[in-house]
Amino acid sequence: MAYYGYVGVAQSIDLQDGIINVIGGGSTEITLVRKRKMAESHSFPSGAVNLNEAFTKSDRVTNEQINQLRTYLFSHLQTLSWLHEVELPVIGIGGSAKNLFRMHQGKSRKNL
């Protein structure tokens, strides 16, 4: 899955170096791109749907649930040594990325 995300991004934009993040329902793929080549990738068995089921047990999400989710995600990202201290643009693709962008856009408009 990470490979297809990389190919889609490589064919769409002129990305020399960056990180591609694909959040699906049941998995998340992270790919490091260096000099337009797929340098590293990893697939986590956690996606938007199963993380939602695991961490949000009620209709209203609490700060404690958000903090637990952040801790979980951070601990998994820390296992990728090639991701440590990398300061590159992140390209999100897929439905989850699109929804995050829309939420950010809506929030930004309110602050104008």
PDB file of N, CA and C in Angstrom:
ATOM      1  N   MET A   1       0.812  -1.190   0.000  1.00  0.00           N
ATOM      2  CA  MET A   1       0.000   0.000   0.000  1.00  0.00           C
ATOM      3  C   MET A   1       0.866   1.270   0.000  1.00  0.00           C
ATOM      4  N   ALA A   2       1.959   1.255   0.777  1.00  0.00           N
ATOM      5  CA  ALA A   2       2.841   2.422   0.831  1.00  0.00           C
ATOM      6  C   ALA A   2       3.427   2.718  -0.546  1.00  0.00           C
ATOM      7  N   TYR A   3       3.739   1.687  -1.285  1.00  0.00           N
ATOM      8  CA  TYR A   3       4.315   1.862  -2.616  1.00  0.00           C
ATOM      9  C   TYR A   3       3.349   2.603  -3.536  1.00  0.00           C
ATOM     10  N   TYR A   4       2.081   2.232  -3.511  1.00  0.00           N
ATOM     11  CA  TYR A   4       1.102   2.871  -4.386  1.00  0.00           C
ATOM     12  C   TYR A   4       0.870   4.332  -3.998  1.00  0.00           C
ATOM     13  N   GLY A   5       0.923   4.625  -2.702  1.00  0.00           N
ATOM     14  CA  GLY A   5       0.846   6.015  -2.266  1.00  0.00           C
ATOM     15  C   GLY A   5       2.028   6.817  -2.776  1.00  0.00           C
ATOM     16  N   TYR A   6       3.210   6.220  -2.695  1.00  0.00           N
ATOM     17  CA  TYR A   6       4.419   6.875  -3.200  1.00  0.00           C
ATOM     18  C   TYR A   6       4.300   7.142  -4.705  1.00  0.00           C
ATOM     19  N   VAL A   7       3.883   6.142  -5.472  1.00  0.00           N
ATOM     20  CA  VAL A   7       3.761   6.305  -6.925  1.00  0.00           C
ATOM     21  C   VAL A   7       2.764   7.409  -7.251  1.00  0.00           C
ATOM     22  N   GLY A   8       1.643   7.434  -6.547  1.00  0.00           N
ATOM     23  CA  GLY A   8       0.636   8.475  -6.788  1.00  0.00           C
ATOM     24  C   GLY A   8       1.173   9.869  -6.534  1.00  0.00           C
ATOM     25  N   VAL A   9       1.891  10.043  -5.439  1.00  0.00           N
ATOM     26  CA  VAL A   9       2.462  11.347  -5.115  1.00  0.00           C
ATOM     27  C   VAL A   9       3.563  11.701  -6.115  1.00  0.00           C
ATOM     28  N   ALA A  10       4.438  10.738  -6.420  1.00  0.00           N
ATOM     29  CA  ALA A  10       5.555  10.999  -7.338  1.00  0.00           C
ATOM     30  C   ALA A  10       5.053  11.399  -8.728  1.00  0.00           C
ATOM     31  N   GLN A  11       3.912  10.870  -9.132  1.00  0.00           N
ATOM     32  CA  GLN A  11       3.356  11.202 -10.439  1.00  0.00           C
ATOM     33  C   GLN A  11       2.555  12.507 -10.424  1.00  0.00           C
ATOM     34  N   SER A  12       2.212  12.991  -9.226  1.00  0.00           N
ATOM     35  CA  SER A  12       1.349  14.170  -9.111  1.00  0.00           C
ATOM     36  C   SER A  12       2.095  15.470  -8.823  1.00  0.00           C
ATOM     37  N   ILE A  13       3.150  15.378  -8.010  1.00  0.00           N
ATOM     38  CA  ILE A  13       3.876  16.590  -7.624  1.00  0.00           C
ATOM     39  C   ILE A  13       5.375  16.351  -7.718  1.00  0.00           C
ATOM     40  N   ASP A  14       6.120  17.433  -7.749  1.00  0.00           N
ATOM     41  CA  ASP A  14       7.575  17.354  -7.831  1.00  0.00           C
ATOM     42  C   ASP A  14       8.145  17.322  -6.416  1.00  0.00           C
ATOM     43  N   LEU A  15       8.029  16.191  -5.761  1.00  0.00           N
ATOM     44  CA  LEU A  15       8.520  16.022  -4.399  1.00  0.00           C
ATOM     45  C   LEU A  15       9.923  15.428  -4.440  1.00  0.00           C
ATOM     46  N   GLN A  16      10.896  16.193  -3.994  1.00  0.00           N
ATOM     47  CA  GLN A  16      12.277  15.698  -3.937  1.00  0.00           C
ATOM     48  C   GLN A  16      12.510  14.916  -2.650  1.00  0.00           C
ATOM     49  N   ASP A  17      12.147  15.521  -1.538  1.00  0.00           N
ATOM     50  CA  ASP A  17      12.300  14.916  -0.219  1.00  0.00           C
ATOM     51  C   ASP A  17      11.042  15.213   0.581  1.00  0.00           C
ATOM     52  N   GLY A  18      10.533  14.210   1.282  1.00  0.00           N
ATOM     53  CA  GLY A  18       9.343  14.422   2.087  1.00  0.00           C
ATOM     54  C   GLY A  18       8.869  13.131   2.721  1.00  0.00           C
ATOM     55  N   ILE A  19       7.765  13.251   3.425  1.00  0.00           N
ATOM     56  CA  ILE A  19       7.142  12.121   4.090  1.00  0.00           C
ATOM     57  C   ILE A  19       5.719  12.012   3.558  1.00  0.00           C
ATOM     58  N   ILE A  20       5.349  10.824   3.148  1.00  0.00           N
ATOM     59  CA  ILE A  20       3.985  10.572   2.677  1.00  0.00           C
ATOM     60  C   ILE A  20       3.263   9.800   3.767  1.00  0.00           C
ATOM     61  N   ASN A  21       2.077  10.255   4.118  1.00  0.00           N
ATOM     62  CA  ASN A  21       1.275   9.641   5.163  1.00  0.00           C
ATOM     63  C   ASN A  21      -0.077   9.261   4.574  1.00  0.00           C
ATOM     64  N   VAL A  22      -0.376   7.969   4.586  1.00  0.00           N
ATOM     65  CA  VAL A  22      -1.659   7.471   4.088  1.00  0.00           C
ATOM     66  C   VAL A  22      -2.389   6.837   5.264  1.00  0.00           C
ATOM     67  N   ILE A  23      -3.504   7.457   5.682  1.00  0.00           N
ATOM     68  CA  ILE A  23      -4.291   6.928   6.788  1.00  0.00           C
ATOM     69  C   ILE A  23      -5.533   6.273   6.213  1.00  0.00           C
ATOM     70  N   GLY A  24      -5.586   4.962   6.316  1.00  0.00           N
ATOM     71  CA  GLY A  24      -6.762   4.230   5.874  1.00  0.00           C
ATOM     72  C   GLY A  24      -7.652   3.903   7.065  1.00  0.00           C
ATOM     73  N   GLY A  25      -8.633   3.092   6.846  1.00  0.00           N
ATOM     74  CA  GLY A  25      -9.525   2.694   7.926  1.00  0.00           C
ATOM     75  C   GLY A  25      -8.881   1.726   8.894  1.00  0.00           C
ATOM     76  N   GLY A  26      -8.038   0.809   8.357  1.00  0.00           N
ATOM     77  CA  GLY A  26      -7.441  -0.209   9.196  1.00  0.00           C
ATOM     78  C   GLY A  26      -5.934  -0.170   9.275  1.00  0.00           C
ATOM     79  N   SER A  27      -5.304   0.740   8.545  1.00  0.00           N
ATOM     80  CA  SER A  27      -3.842   0.832   8.597  1.00  0.00           C
ATOM     81  C   SER A  27      -3.386   2.242   8.246  1.00  0.00           C
ATOM     82  N   THR A  28      -2.130   2.509   8.581  1.00  0.00           N
ATOM     83  CA  THR A  28      -1.490   3.785   8.253  1.00  0.00           C
ATOM     84  C   THR A  28      -0.123   3.482   7.664  1.00  0.00           C
ATOM     85  N   GLU A  29       0.155   4.058   6.513  1.00  0.00           N
ATOM     86  CA  GLU A  29       1.446   3.874   5.872  1.00  0.00           C
ATOM     87  C   GLU A  29       2.238   5.175   5.921  1.00  0.00           C
ATOM     88  N   ILE A  30       3.496   5.064   6.280  1.00  0.00           N
ATOM     89  CA  ILE A  30       4.386   6.218   6.309  1.00  0.00           C
ATOM     90  C   ILE A  30       5.579   5.901   5.420  1.00  0.00           C
ATOM     91  N   THR A  31       5.878   6.820   4.510  1.00  0.00           N
ATOM     92  CA  THR A  31       6.956   6.613   3.551  1.00  0.00           C
ATOM     93  C   THR A  31       7.884   7.815   3.554  1.00  0.00           C
ATOM     94  N   LEU A  32       9.174   7.549   3.607  1.00  0.00           N
ATOM     95  CA  LEU A  32      10.183   8.591   3.503  1.00  0.00           C
ATOM     96  C   LEU A  32      10.684   8.634   2.067  1.00  0.00           C
ATOM     97  N   VAL A  33      10.641   9.825   1.470  1.00  0.00           N
ATOM     98  CA  VAL A  33      11.105  10.023   0.096  1.00  0.00           C
ATOM     99  C   VAL A  33      12.372  10.867   0.147  1.00  0.00           C
ATOM    100  N   ARG A  34      13.415  10.368  -0.509  1.00  0.00           N
ATOM    101  CA  ARG A  34      14.682  11.089  -0.623  1.00  0.00           C
ATOM    102  C   ARG A  34      15.093  11.081  -2.094  1.00  0.00           C
ATOM    103  N   LYS A  35      15.354  12.278  -2.612  1.00  0.00           N
ATOM    104  CA  LYS A  35      15.763  12.428  -4.019  1.00  0.00           C
ATOM    105  C   LYS A  35      14.778  11.726  -4.957  1.00  0.00           C
ATOM    106  N   ARG A  36      13.503  11.932  -4.689  1.00  0.00           N
ATOM    107  CA  ARG A  36      12.381  11.386  -5.480  1.00  0.00           C
ATOM    108  C   ARG A  36      12.284   9.864  -5.444  1.00  0.00           C
ATOM    109  N   LYS A  37      13.028   9.222  -4.571  1.00  0.00           N
ATOM    110  CA  LYS A  37      13.002   7.769  -4.451  1.00  0.00           C
ATOM    111  C   LYS A  37      12.389   7.371  -3.112  1.00  0.00           C
ATOM    112  N   MET A  38      11.707   6.242  -3.100  1.00  0.00           N
ATOM    113  CA  MET A  38      11.149   5.698  -1.877  1.00  0.00           C
ATOM    114  C   MET A  38      12.304   5.127  -1.052  1.00  0.00           C
ATOM    115  N   ALA A  39      12.675   5.828   0.020  1.00  0.00           N
ATOM    116  CA  ALA A  39      13.842   5.435   0.814  1.00  0.00           C
ATOM    117  C   ALA A  39      13.474   4.453   1.927  1.00  0.00           C
ATOM    118  N   GLU A  40      12.360   4.704   2.596  1.00  0.00           N
ATOM    119  CA  GLU A  40      11.906   3.859   3.712  1.00  0.00           C
ATOM    120  C   GLU A  40      10.386   3.871   3.716  1.00  0.00           C
ATOM    121  N   SER A  41       9.790   2.828   4.283  1.00  0.00           N
ATOM    122  CA  SER A  41       8.341   2.832   4.480  1.00  0.00           C
ATOM    123  C   SER A  41       7.988   1.851   5.583  1.00  0.00           C
ATOM    124  N   HIS A  42       6.832   2.093   6.178  1.00  0.00           N
ATOM    125  CA  HIS A  42       6.329   1.206   7.224  1.00  0.00           C
ATOM    126  C   HIS A  42       4.811   1.273   7.236  1.00  0.00           C
ATOM    127  N   SER A  43       4.200   0.145   7.497  1.00  0.00           N
ATOM    128  CA  SER A  43       2.747   0.076   7.610  1.00  0.00           C
ATOM    129  C   SER A  43       2.383  -0.289   9.044  1.00  0.00           C
ATOM    130  N   PHE A  44       1.600   0.564   9.682  1.00  0.00           N
ATOM    131  CA  PHE A  44       1.087   0.288  11.021  1.00  0.00           C
ATOM    132  C   PHE A  44      -0.309  -0.311  10.892  1.00  0.00           C
ATOM    133  N   PRO A  45      -0.652  -1.307  11.694  1.00  0.00           N
ATOM    134  CA  PRO A  45      -1.981  -1.912  11.609  1.00  0.00           C
ATOM    135  C   PRO A  45      -3.046  -1.098  12.352  1.00  0.00           C
ATOM    136  N   SER A  46      -2.883   0.205  12.353  1.00  0.00           N
ATOM    137  CA  SER A  46      -3.836   1.101  13.017  1.00  0.00           C
ATOM    138  C   SER A  46      -4.268   2.166  12.028  1.00  0.00           C
ATOM    139  N   GLY A  47      -5.573   2.253  11.823  1.00  0.00           N
ATOM    140  CA  GLY A  47      -6.114   3.256  10.932  1.00  0.00           C
ATOM    141  C   GLY A  47      -7.197   4.049  11.633  1.00  0.00           C
ATOM    142  N   ALA A  48      -7.854   4.918  10.902  1.00  0.00           N
ATOM    143  CA  ALA A  48      -8.856   5.817  11.476  1.00  0.00           C
ATOM    144  C   ALA A  48      -9.998   5.055  12.146  1.00  0.00           C
ATOM    145  N   VAL A  49     -10.462   3.989  11.523  1.00  0.00           N
ATOM    146  CA  VAL A  49     -11.619   3.261  12.070  1.00  0.00           C
ATOM    147  C   VAL A  49     -11.251   2.503  13.334  1.00  0.00           C
ATOM    148  N   ASN A  50     -10.187   1.695  13.273  1.00  0.00           N
ATOM    149  CA  ASN A  50      -9.885   0.901  14.465  1.00  0.00           C
ATOM    150  C   ASN A  50      -9.315   1.750  15.612  1.00  0.00           C
ATOM    151  N   LEU A  51      -8.656   2.870  15.316  1.00  0.00           N
ATOM    152  CA  LEU A  51      -8.226   3.771  16.389  1.00  0.00           C
ATOM    153  C   LEU A  51      -9.422   4.451  17.040  1.00  0.00           C
ATOM    154  N   ASN A  52     -10.397   4.830  16.241  1.00  0.00           N
ATOM    155  CA  ASN A  52     -11.612   5.438  16.781  1.00  0.00           C
ATOM    156  C   ASN A  52     -12.319   4.451  17.712  1.00  0.00           C
ATOM    157  N   GLU A  53     -12.433   3.207  17.281  1.00  0.00           N
ATOM    158  CA  GLU A  53     -13.090   2.190  18.105  1.00  0.00           C
ATOM    159  C   GLU A  53     -12.319   1.918  19.395  1.00  0.00           C
ATOM    160  N   ALA A  54     -11.002   1.964  19.328  1.00  0.00           N
ATOM    161  CA  ALA A  54     -10.174   1.664  20.497  1.00  0.00           C
ATOM    162  C   ALA A  54     -10.111   2.805  21.509  1.00  0.00           C
ATOM    163  N   PHE A  55     -10.169   4.048  21.038  1.00  0.00           N
ATOM    164  CA  PHE A  55      -9.907   5.170  21.937  1.00  0.00           C
ATOM    165  C   PHE A  55     -11.094   6.066  22.235  1.00  0.00           C
ATOM    166  N   THR A  56     -12.159   5.991  21.489  1.00  0.00           N
ATOM    167  CA  THR A  56     -13.320   6.839  21.779  1.00  0.00           C
ATOM    168  C   THR A  56     -14.503   5.947  22.120  1.00  0.00           C
ATOM    169  N   LYS A  57     -14.737   5.842  23.402  1.00  0.00           N
ATOM    170  CA  LYS A  57     -15.761   4.925  23.910  1.00  0.00           C
ATOM    171  C   LYS A  57     -17.118   5.592  24.128  1.00  0.00           C
ATOM    172  N   SER A  58     -17.210   6.873  23.835  1.00  0.00           N
ATOM    173  CA  SER A  58     -18.465   7.581  24.085  1.00  0.00           C
ATOM    174  C   SER A  58     -18.788   8.487  22.898  1.00  0.00           C
ATOM    175  N   ASP A  59     -19.957   9.107  22.932  1.00  0.00           N
ATOM    176  CA  ASP A  59     -20.358  10.010  21.857  1.00  0.00           C
ATOM    177  C   ASP A  59     -19.487  11.257  21.807  1.00  0.00           C
ATOM    178  N   ARG A  60     -19.030  11.685  22.953  1.00  0.00           N
ATOM    179  CA  ARG A  60     -18.210  12.893  23.037  1.00  0.00           C
ATOM    180  C   ARG A  60     -16.785  12.501  23.417  1.00  0.00           C
ATOM    181  N   VAL A  61     -15.811  12.938  22.624  1.00  0.00           N
ATOM    182  CA  VAL A  61     -14.410  12.603  22.866  1.00  0.00           C
ATOM    183  C   VAL A  61     -13.868  13.488  23.985  1.00  0.00           C
ATOM    184  N   THR A  62     -13.202  12.863  24.941  1.00  0.00           N
ATOM    185  CA  THR A  62     -12.654  13.602  26.076  1.00  0.00           C
ATOM    186  C   THR A  62     -11.178  13.929  25.845  1.00  0.00           C
ATOM    187  N   ASN A  63     -10.677  14.878  26.604  1.00  0.00           N
ATOM    188  CA  ASN A  63      -9.249  15.208  26.537  1.00  0.00           C
ATOM    189  C   ASN A  63      -8.395  14.013  26.937  1.00  0.00           C
ATOM    190  N   GLU A  64      -8.860  13.228  27.889  1.00  0.00           N
ATOM    191  CA  GLU A  64      -8.120  12.042  28.320  1.00  0.00           C
ATOM    192  C   GLU A  64      -8.005  11.031  27.171  1.00  0.00           C
ATOM    193  N   GLN A  65      -9.081  10.829  26.429  1.00  0.00           N
ATOM    194  CA  GLN A  65      -9.040   9.918  25.283  1.00  0.00           C
ATOM    195  C   GLN A  65      -8.065  10.429  24.219  1.00  0.00           C
ATOM    196  N   ILE A  66      -8.082  11.720  23.966  1.00  0.00           N
ATOM    197  CA  ILE A  66      -7.166  12.306  22.984  1.00  0.00           C
ATOM    198  C   ILE A  66      -5.716  12.119  23.440  1.00  0.00           C
ATOM    199  N   ASN A  67      -5.448  12.350  24.724  1.00  0.00           N
ATOM    200  CA  ASN A  67      -4.091  12.174  25.252  1.00  0.00           C
ATOM    201  C   ASN A  67      -3.638  10.721  25.170  1.00  0.00           C
ATOM    202  N   GLN A  68      -4.537   9.778  25.440  1.00  0.00           N
ATOM    203  CA  GLN A  68      -4.198   8.357  25.318  1.00  0.00           C
ATOM    204  C   GLN A  68      -3.867   7.998  23.873  1.00  0.00           C
ATOM    205  N   LEU A  69      -4.649   8.533  22.935  1.00  0.00           N
ATOM    206  CA  LEU A  69      -4.402   8.287  21.516  1.00  0.00           C
ATOM    207  C   LEU A  69      -3.065   8.888  21.087  1.00  0.00           C
ATOM    208  N   ARG A  70      -2.778  10.102  21.507  1.00  0.00           N
ATOM    209  CA  ARG A  70      -1.493  10.742  21.182  1.00  0.00           C
ATOM    210  C   ARG A  70      -0.325   9.919  21.698  1.00  0.00           C
ATOM    211  N   THR A  71      -0.428   9.461  22.937  1.00  0.00           N
ATOM    212  CA  THR A  71       0.630   8.646  23.534  1.00  0.00           C
ATOM    213  C   THR A  71       0.828   7.366  22.732  1.00  0.00           C
ATOM    214  N   TYR A  72      -0.263   6.728  22.364  1.00  0.00           N
ATOM    215  CA  TYR A  72      -0.203   5.494  21.561  1.00  0.00           C
ATOM    216  C   TYR A  72       0.485   5.753  20.220  1.00  0.00           C
ATOM    217  N   LEU A  73       0.040   6.788  19.514  1.00  0.00           N
ATOM    218  CA  LEU A  73       0.609   7.094  18.200  1.00  0.00           C
ATOM    219  C   LEU A  73       2.077   7.475  18.305  1.00  0.00           C
ATOM    220  N   PHE A  74       2.419   8.309  19.269  1.00  0.00           N
ATOM    221  CA  PHE A  74       3.812   8.738  19.436  1.00  0.00           C
ATOM    222  C   PHE A  74       4.716   7.544  19.721  1.00  0.00           C
ATOM    223  N   SER A  75       4.264   6.623  20.568  1.00  0.00           N
ATOM    224  CA  SER A  75       5.099   5.467  20.894  1.00  0.00           C
ATOM    225  C   SER A  75       5.345   4.608  19.654  1.00  0.00           C
ATOM    226  N   HIS A  76       4.357   4.489  18.771  1.00  0.00           N
ATOM    227  CA  HIS A  76       4.544   3.719  17.547  1.00  0.00           C
ATOM    228  C   HIS A  76       5.459   4.452  16.557  1.00  0.00           C
ATOM    229  N   LEU A  77       5.302   5.759  16.431  1.00  0.00           N
ATOM    230  CA  LEU A  77       6.165   6.514  15.526  1.00  0.00           C
ATOM    231  C   LEU A  77       7.615   6.485  15.991  1.00  0.00           C
ATOM    232  N   GLN A  78       7.827   6.413  17.289  1.00  0.00           N
ATOM    233  CA  GLN A  78       9.189   6.370  17.835  1.00  0.00           C
ATOM    234  C   GLN A  78       9.931   5.103  17.420  1.00  0.00           C
ATOM    235  N   THR A  79       9.211   4.061  17.002  1.00  0.00           N
ATOM    236  CA  THR A  79       9.871   2.818  16.594  1.00  0.00           C
ATOM    237  C   THR A  79      10.555   2.960  15.234  1.00  0.00           C
ATOM    238  N   LEU A  80      10.270   4.028  14.516  1.00  0.00           N
ATOM    239  CA  LEU A  80      10.861   4.249  13.192  1.00  0.00           C
ATOM    240  C   LEU A  80      12.089   5.141  13.328  1.00  0.00           C
ATOM    241  N   SER A  81      13.256   4.525  13.474  1.00  0.00           N
ATOM    242  CA  SER A  81      14.484   5.307  13.688  1.00  0.00           C
ATOM    243  C   SER A  81      14.754   6.257  12.523  1.00  0.00           C
ATOM    244  N   TRP A  82      14.349   5.889  11.322  1.00  0.00           N
ATOM    245  CA  TRP A  82      14.597   6.731  10.152  1.00  0.00           C
ATOM    246  C   TRP A  82      13.705   7.976  10.132  1.00  0.00           C
ATOM    247  N   LEU A  83      12.745   8.026  11.030  1.00  0.00           N
ATOM    248  CA  LEU A  83      11.848   9.180  11.095  1.00  0.00           C
ATOM    249  C   LEU A  83      12.296  10.198  12.153  1.00  0.00           C
ATOM    250  N   HIS A  84      13.220   9.791  13.016  1.00  0.00           N
ATOM    251  CA  HIS A  84      13.683  10.674  14.096  1.00  0.00           C
ATOM    252  C   HIS A  84      14.383  11.907  13.528  1.00  0.00           C
ATOM    253  N   GLU A  85      14.042  13.046  14.042  1.00  0.00           N
ATOM    254  CA  GLU A  85      14.675  14.327  13.707  1.00  0.00           C
ATOM    255  C   GLU A  85      14.642  14.666  12.217  1.00  0.00           C
ATOM    256  N   VAL A  86      13.675  14.158  11.506  1.00  0.00           N
ATOM    257  CA  VAL A  86      13.501  14.481  10.090  1.00  0.00           C
ATOM    258  C   VAL A  86      12.575  15.689   9.998  1.00  0.00           C
ATOM    259  N   GLU A  87      13.039  16.727   9.348  1.00  0.00           N
ATOM    260  CA  GLU A  87      12.230  17.929   9.162  1.00  0.00           C
ATOM    261  C   GLU A  87      11.967  18.112   7.677  1.00  0.00           C
ATOM    262  N   LEU A  88      10.905  17.477   7.208  1.00  0.00           N
ATOM    263  CA  LEU A  88      10.536  17.503   5.797  1.00  0.00           C
ATOM    264  C   LEU A  88       9.044  17.769   5.677  1.00  0.00           C
ATOM    265  N   PRO A  89       8.610  18.211   4.504  1.00  0.00           N
ATOM    266  CA  PRO A  89       7.168  18.379   4.313  1.00  0.00           C
ATOM    267  C   PRO A  89       6.459  17.026   4.405  1.00  0.00           C
ATOM    268  N   VAL A  90       5.245  17.061   4.933  1.00  0.00           N
ATOM    269  CA  VAL A  90       4.418  15.859   5.030  1.00  0.00           C
ATOM    270  C   VAL A  90       3.267  15.992   4.051  1.00  0.00           C
ATOM    271  N   ILE A  91       3.095  14.969   3.230  1.00  0.00           N
ATOM    272  CA  ILE A  91       2.013  14.941   2.259  1.00  0.00           C
ATOM    273  C   ILE A  91       1.034  13.879   2.718  1.00  0.00           C
ATOM    274  N   GLY A  92      -0.157  14.294   3.049  1.00  0.00           N
ATOM    275  CA  GLY A  92      -1.194  13.357   3.462  1.00  0.00           C
ATOM    276  C   GLY A  92      -2.098  13.048   2.278  1.00  0.00           C
ATOM    277  N   ILE A  93      -2.385  11.767   2.081  1.00  0.00           N
ATOM    278  CA  ILE A  93      -3.292  11.398   1.005  1.00  0.00           C
ATOM    279  C   ILE A  93      -4.369  10.470   1.557  1.00  0.00           C
ATOM    280  N   GLY A  94      -5.484  10.450   0.867  1.00  0.00           N
ATOM    281  CA  GLY A  94      -6.597   9.614   1.281  1.00  0.00           C
ATOM    282  C   GLY A  94      -7.684  10.440   1.941  1.00  0.00           C
ATOM    283  N   GLY A  95      -8.758   9.774   2.261  1.00  0.00           N
ATOM    284  CA  GLY A  95      -9.934  10.434   2.831  1.00  0.00           C
ATOM    285  C   GLY A  95      -9.681  11.101   4.164  1.00  0.00           C
ATOM    286  N   SER A  96      -8.902  10.467   5.030  1.00  0.00           N
ATOM    287  CA  SER A  96      -8.617  11.061   6.340  1.00  0.00           C
ATOM    288  C   SER A  96      -7.834  12.355   6.202  1.00  0.00           C
ATOM    289  N   ALA A  97      -6.861  12.378   5.314  1.00  0.00           N
ATOM    290  CA  ALA A  97      -6.074  13.593   5.088  1.00  0.00           C
ATOM    291  C   ALA A  97      -6.961  14.704   4.548  1.00  0.00           C
ATOM    292  N   LYS A  98      -7.857  14.351   3.638  1.00  0.00           N
ATOM    293  CA  LYS A  98      -8.768  15.343   3.068  1.00  0.00           C
ATOM    294  C   LYS A  98      -9.681  15.929   4.149  1.00  0.00           C
ATOM    295  N   ASN A  99     -10.178  15.087   5.034  1.00  0.00           N
ATOM    296  CA  ASN A  99     -11.042  15.571   6.108  1.00  0.00           C
ATOM    297  C   ASN A  99     -10.280  16.444   7.095  1.00  0.00           C
ATOM    298  N   LEU A 100      -9.035  16.072   7.420  1.00  0.00           N
ATOM    299  CA  LEU A 100      -8.218  16.916   8.302  1.00  0.00           C
ATOM    300  C   LEU A 100      -7.981  18.284   7.678  1.00  0.00           C
ATOM    301  N   PHE A 101      -7.712  18.307   6.369  1.00  0.00           N
ATOM    302  CA  PHE A 101      -7.505  19.569   5.671  1.00  0.00           C
ATOM    303  C   PHE A 101      -8.771  20.426   5.729  1.00  0.00           C
ATOM    304  N   ARG A 102      -9.921  19.820   5.512  1.00  0.00           N
ATOM    305  CA  ARG A 102     -11.186  20.565   5.567  1.00  0.00           C
ATOM    306  C   ARG A 102     -11.438  21.144   6.956  1.00  0.00           C
ATOM    307  N   MET A 103     -11.122  20.358   7.999  1.00  0.00           N
ATOM    308  CA  MET A 103     -11.301  20.860   9.362  1.00  0.00           C
ATOM    309  C   MET A 103     -10.368  22.035   9.613  1.00  0.00           C
ATOM    310  N   HIS A 104      -9.120  21.927   9.172  1.00  0.00           N
ATOM    311  CA  HIS A 104      -8.157  23.011   9.334  1.00  0.00           C
ATOM    312  C   HIS A 104      -8.607  24.258   8.578  1.00  0.00           C
ATOM    313  N   GLN A 105      -9.099  24.062   7.381  1.00  0.00           N
ATOM    314  CA  GLN A 105      -9.578  25.177   6.560  1.00  0.00           C
ATOM    315  C   GLN A 105     -10.741  25.893   7.255  1.00  0.00           C
ATOM    316  N   GLY A 106     -11.678  25.115   7.777  1.00  0.00           N
ATOM    317  CA  GLY A 106     -12.821  25.701   8.479  1.00  0.00           C
ATOM    318  C   GLY A 106     -12.398  26.469   9.712  1.00  0.00           C
ATOM    319  N   LYS A 107     -11.463  25.928  10.471  1.00  0.00           N
ATOM    320  CA  LYS A 107     -10.953  26.595  11.666  1.00  0.00           C
ATOM    321  C   LYS A 107     -10.216  27.869  11.298  1.00  0.00           C
ATOM    322  N   SER A 108      -9.432  27.834  10.227  1.00  0.00           N
ATOM    323  CA  SER A 108      -8.684  29.011   9.782  1.00  0.00           C
ATOM    324  C   SER A 108      -9.613  30.137   9.358  1.00  0.00           C
ATOM    325  N   ARG A 109     -10.689  29.792   8.691  1.00  0.00           N
ATOM    326  CA  ARG A 109     -11.659  30.804   8.256  1.00  0.00           C
ATOM    327  C   ARG A 109     -12.320  31.500   9.431  1.00  0.00           C
ATOM    328  N   LYS A 110     -12.581  30.746  10.513  1.00  0.00           N
ATOM    329  CA  LYS A 110     -13.203  31.323  11.704  1.00  0.00           C
ATOM    330  C   LYS A 110     -12.271  32.319  12.384  1.00  0.00           C
ATOM    331  N   ASN A 111     -10.965  32.115  12.236  1.00  0.00           N
ATOM    332  CA  ASN A 111      -9.980  32.979  12.900  1.00  0.00           C
ATOM    333  C   ASN A 111      -9.659  34.239  12.100  1.00  0.00           C
ATOM    334  N   LEU A 112     -10.236  34.391  10.916  1.00  0.00           N
ATOM    335  CA  LEU A 112      -9.948  35.583  10.104  1.00  0.00           C
ATOM    336  C   LEU A 112     -10.647  36.804  10.624  1.00  0.00           C
TER     337      LEU A 112
END
